[in-house]
Protein backbone atom coordinates (compact mmCIF):
# COMPACT_ATOMS: atom_id res chain seq x y z
CA UNK A 1 -21.22 -0.36 -13.11
CA UNK A 2 -21.52 -3.24 -10.01
CA UNK A 3 -24.45 -2.95 -8.13
CA UNK A 4 -24.97 0.91 -9.48
CA UNK A 5 -21.04 1.18 -8.17
CA UNK A 6 -18.29 1.93 -10.83
CA UNK A 7 -16.71 -1.29 -11.79
CA UNK A 8 -12.98 -0.50 -10.48
CA UNK A 9 -11.76 -4.23 -12.33
CA UNK A 10 -9.15 -5.07 -13.67
CA UNK A 11 -5.24 -4.42 -13.48
CA UNK A 12 -3.99 -1.54 -12.60
CA UNK A 13 -0.27 -0.10 -12.16
CA UNK A 14 1.26 3.35 -10.46
CA UNK A 15 4.56 5.26 -11.55
CA UNK A 16 7.43 3.50 -10.43
CA UNK A 17 8.40 6.85 -8.44
CA UNK A 18 6.10 6.77 -4.91
CA UNK A 19 7.64 3.05 -4.54
CA UNK A 20 10.70 4.97 -4.17
CA UNK A 21 9.56 7.19 -2.26
CA UNK A 22 5.72 7.97 -1.31
CA UNK A 23 6.25 11.33 -1.02
CA UNK A 24 7.71 12.04 -4.03
CA UNK A 25 4.62 14.92 -5.01
CA UNK A 26 5.33 16.79 -2.00
CA UNK A 27 7.41 19.11 0.26
CA UNK A 28 9.53 18.08 3.57
CA UNK A 29 6.92 19.98 5.62
CA UNK A 30 3.95 17.58 4.17
CA UNK A 31 5.42 14.99 5.69
CA UNK A 32 5.90 15.65 9.62
CA UNK A 33 8.06 13.32 10.79
CA UNK A 34 8.26 13.13 14.57
CA UNK A 35 11.76 12.95 16.52
CA UNK A 36 11.78 8.75 16.72
CA UNK A 37 10.40 8.70 13.20
CA UNK A 38 13.51 10.77 12.07
CA UNK A 39 15.78 8.51 13.65
CA UNK A 40 14.48 5.71 12.21
CA UNK A 41 14.95 7.17 8.70
CA UNK A 42 18.76 8.46 9.74
CA UNK A 43 18.90 4.81 10.53
CA UNK A 44 17.90 3.07 7.32
CA UNK A 45 20.18 5.88 5.93
CA UNK A 46 22.88 4.59 7.39
CA UNK A 47 22.27 1.10 6.91
CA UNK A 48 22.01 2.14 3.22
CA UNK A 49 18.50 0.56 3.75
CA UNK A 50 19.89 -3.33 4.31
CA UNK A 51 17.50 -3.55 6.64
CA UNK A 52 14.56 -3.21 4.46
CA UNK A 53 12.26 -5.65 4.80
CA UNK A 54 11.40 -6.17 1.41
CA UNK A 55 14.93 -6.75 0.81
CA UNK A 56 14.59 -10.28 3.54
CA UNK A 57 11.81 -11.50 0.68
CA UNK A 58 9.21 -9.57 3.79
CA UNK A 59 5.86 -8.28 2.52
CA UNK A 60 5.55 -4.54 1.54
CA UNK A 61 2.94 -3.83 3.68
CA UNK A 62 0.25 -0.84 2.84
CA UNK A 63 0.30 1.15 1.21
CA UNK A 64 3.60 0.36 -0.71
CA UNK A 65 1.99 -2.76 -1.73
CA UNK A 66 -0.19 -0.70 -4.16
CA UNK A 67 3.18 0.91 -5.74
CA UNK A 68 5.48 -2.31 -6.18
CA UNK A 69 7.76 -2.29 -8.79
CA UNK A 70 11.11 -3.43 -9.56
CA UNK A 71 13.86 -0.71 -11.48
CA UNK A 72 11.94 -0.84 -14.95
CA UNK A 73 10.01 -3.62 -13.98
CA UNK A 74 6.32 -3.20 -13.10
CA UNK A 75 4.38 -5.01 -10.61
CA UNK A 76 1.15 -4.49 -11.09
CA UNK A 77 -1.86 -5.92 -9.47
CA UNK A 78 -5.92 -6.59 -10.19
CA UNK A 79 -8.70 -5.70 -8.76
CA UNK A 80 -11.28 -8.00 -8.20
CA UNK A 81 -15.05 -6.75 -7.55
CA UNK A 82 -17.98 -8.18 -6.34
CA UNK A 83 -20.55 -6.51 -3.91
CA UNK A 84 -19.86 -7.78 -0.59
CA UNK A 85 -16.07 -8.04 -1.07
CA UNK A 86 -13.31 -6.64 -3.26
CA UNK A 87 -10.26 -8.47 -3.48
CA UNK A 88 -6.69 -7.19 -4.72
CA UNK A 89 -4.31 -9.33 -6.03
CA UNK A 90 -0.86 -8.37 -6.09
CA UNK A 91 2.10 -9.71 -8.18
CA UNK A 92 5.13 -7.18 -6.50
CA UNK A 93 8.83 -7.69 -6.31
CA UNK A 94 8.40 -10.12 -3.93
CA UNK A 95 5.88 -12.46 -3.71
CA UNK A 96 2.68 -13.23 -5.03
CA UNK A 97 0.18 -11.89 -2.03
CA UNK A 98 -3.62 -10.68 -1.66
CA UNK A 99 -5.77 -8.56 0.23
CA UNK A 100 -9.49 -8.91 1.46
CA UNK A 101 -11.81 -5.66 1.69
CA UNK A 102 -14.83 -6.55 3.51
CA UNK A 103 -18.20 -4.34 2.11
CA UNK A 104 -20.11 -6.28 4.57
CA UNK A 105 -20.71 -3.75 6.76
CA UNK A 106 -18.55 -5.44 9.42
CA UNK A 107 -16.25 -3.11 11.44
CA UNK A 108 -12.44 -3.26 11.83
CA UNK A 109 -11.10 -5.51 14.86
CA UNK A 110 -10.77 -4.03 17.79
CA UNK A 111 -7.92 -6.29 18.66
CA UNK A 112 -6.53 -7.70 15.67
CA UNK A 113 -3.30 -9.56 15.42
CA UNK A 114 -0.38 -7.84 13.87
CA UNK A 115 -0.02 -8.25 10.73
CA UNK A 116 1.81 -6.71 7.61
CA UNK A 117 -0.79 -6.09 5.46
CA UNK A 118 -3.31 -5.35 7.97
CA UNK A 119 -7.21 -5.45 8.20
CA UNK A 120 -9.10 -3.94 5.29
CA UNK A 121 -12.92 -2.82 5.31
CA UNK A 122 -14.34 -0.57 2.50
CA UNK A 123 -16.99 1.15 1.87
CA UNK A 124 -18.68 3.49 -0.88
CA UNK A 125 -18.54 7.36 -0.53
CA UNK A 126 -20.01 8.43 -4.04
CA UNK A 127 -18.58 6.91 -7.05
CA UNK A 128 -15.00 6.31 -4.83
CA UNK A 129 -14.56 2.84 -2.96
CA UNK A 130 -12.69 4.22 0.51
CA UNK A 131 -10.70 1.57 2.20
CA UNK A 132 -9.36 1.41 5.64
CA UNK A 133 -7.08 -0.70 6.96
CA UNK A 134 -5.49 -1.28 10.97
CA UNK A 135 -3.96 -3.74 13.09
CA UNK A 136 -0.45 -3.56 11.24
CA UNK A 137 2.89 -5.54 12.61
CA UNK A 138 5.05 -1.72 12.32
CA UNK A 139 7.91 -3.67 10.66
CA UNK A 140 7.01 -2.74 6.95
CA UNK A 141 8.33 0.54 5.10
CA UNK A 142 6.11 3.26 3.36
CA UNK A 143 8.71 3.38 0.39
CA UNK A 144 11.69 2.21 -0.41
CA UNK A 145 14.38 4.64 -1.47
CA UNK A 146 13.40 6.80 1.21
CA UNK A 147 12.38 4.27 3.96
CA UNK A 148 9.73 6.44 5.08
CA UNK A 149 8.61 4.36 8.90
CA UNK A 150 5.37 2.90 9.87
CA UNK A 151 4.41 1.62 13.46
CA UNK A 152 1.84 -0.61 15.07
CA UNK A 153 -1.10 2.23 15.43
CA UNK A 154 -1.19 3.46 11.57
CA UNK A 155 -4.11 3.26 9.72
CA UNK A 156 -3.84 4.14 6.48
CA UNK A 157 -6.98 5.23 4.01
CA UNK A 158 -7.01 4.28 0.58
CA UNK A 159 -9.16 6.08 -1.55
CA UNK A 160 -9.83 4.35 -5.41
CA UNK A 161 -11.64 7.03 -8.16
CA UNK A 162 -12.02 5.46 -11.33
CA UNK A 163 -11.69 8.52 -13.55
CA UNK A 164 -12.57 7.14 -17.02
CA UNK A 165 -11.45 3.83 -18.62
CA UNK A 166 -7.67 3.71 -18.55
CA UNK A 167 -7.20 5.76 -15.33
CA UNK A 168 -7.72 5.75 -11.55
CA UNK A 169 -6.96 8.16 -8.81
CA UNK A 170 -5.66 6.48 -5.96
CA UNK A 171 -5.26 8.84 -3.31
CA UNK A 172 -3.80 7.14 0.61
CA UNK A 173 -3.77 9.23 4.03
CA UNK A 174 -1.32 8.47 6.82
CA UNK A 175 -2.60 8.85 10.04
CA UNK A 176 0.36 6.73 12.61
CA UNK A 177 0.18 8.66 15.74
CA UNK A 178 3.61 7.78 17.00
CA UNK A 179 5.60 8.77 13.67
CA UNK A 180 3.87 12.02 12.38
CA UNK A 181 2.35 14.50 13.82
CA UNK A 182 -0.65 14.63 11.85
CA UNK A 183 -2.01 12.82 8.92
CA UNK A 184 -0.41 13.52 5.42
CA UNK A 185 -2.06 11.96 2.34
CA UNK A 186 -0.58 11.83 -1.80
CA UNK A 187 -2.96 11.36 -4.54
CA UNK A 188 -1.35 8.78 -7.42
CA UNK A 189 -1.99 8.29 -10.70
CA UNK A 190 -3.04 4.84 -11.67
CA UNK A 191 -3.03 3.24 -15.36
CA UNK A 192 -5.23 0.35 -16.46
CA UNK A 193 -2.95 -2.44 -18.22
CA UNK A 194 -5.45 -3.40 -20.41
CA UNK A 195 -5.38 -7.31 -22.05
CA UNK A 196 -2.65 -7.88 -19.10
CA UNK A 197 -2.88 -10.72 -15.86
CA UNK A 198 -0.74 -11.15 -13.24
CA UNK A 199 2.31 -13.63 -12.81
CA UNK A 200 3.60 -15.19 -10.23
CA UNK A 201 6.68 -13.69 -8.67
CA UNK A 202 8.57 -15.58 -5.81
CA UNK A 203 11.44 -13.85 -3.49
CA UNK A 204 14.17 -16.63 -2.78
CA UNK A 205 16.55 -14.60 -0.48
CA UNK A 206 18.28 -17.03 1.78
CA UNK A 207 18.40 -14.33 4.50
CA UNK A 208 14.41 -14.69 4.72
CA UNK A 209 14.58 -17.88 6.36
CA UNK A 210 16.14 -16.35 9.40
CA UNK A 211 13.36 -14.09 9.91
């Protein structure tokens, strides 16, 4: 426990299926794409996903960064927990990076400079850490093989609930009125990797220079 809250610290990993398709457990009707999002998905398929930002060494975005895998190689994330700040450290399948989740009561910025990973604030609801993230640049994808799009007005809510020592549920809600007619969510089983730490990853794709 940290200040009376569950300790989420550790290195965690999720099944690779969610990196491929965030909605892998859902029916098509559970992901209510608007026409513009359907057209983007079609274009991704036509281009055989060659326009995936990660293929150009660009960041995965949120929530794809939570699920990052590369084939059979796991790329886990690490939670470093304090009372006022949680750090999420990511190995990812492109470049190692991080997110800051502020627990000091500050609001999300009203007019932020758009970024790949957005801006995050958190709060505790009982034993669940709730993280709200906005301020995206609208260029990231939600997943890899499917290529679900994300716009610049998206709001991502992550709920981290530790079930026992080795298991945590990560429930992700996507609220993106430019892409989806209503919010939709998925719950991902997340496992602790004890006695494990992250390693540096660096993407060396020269196509990234053009970005």
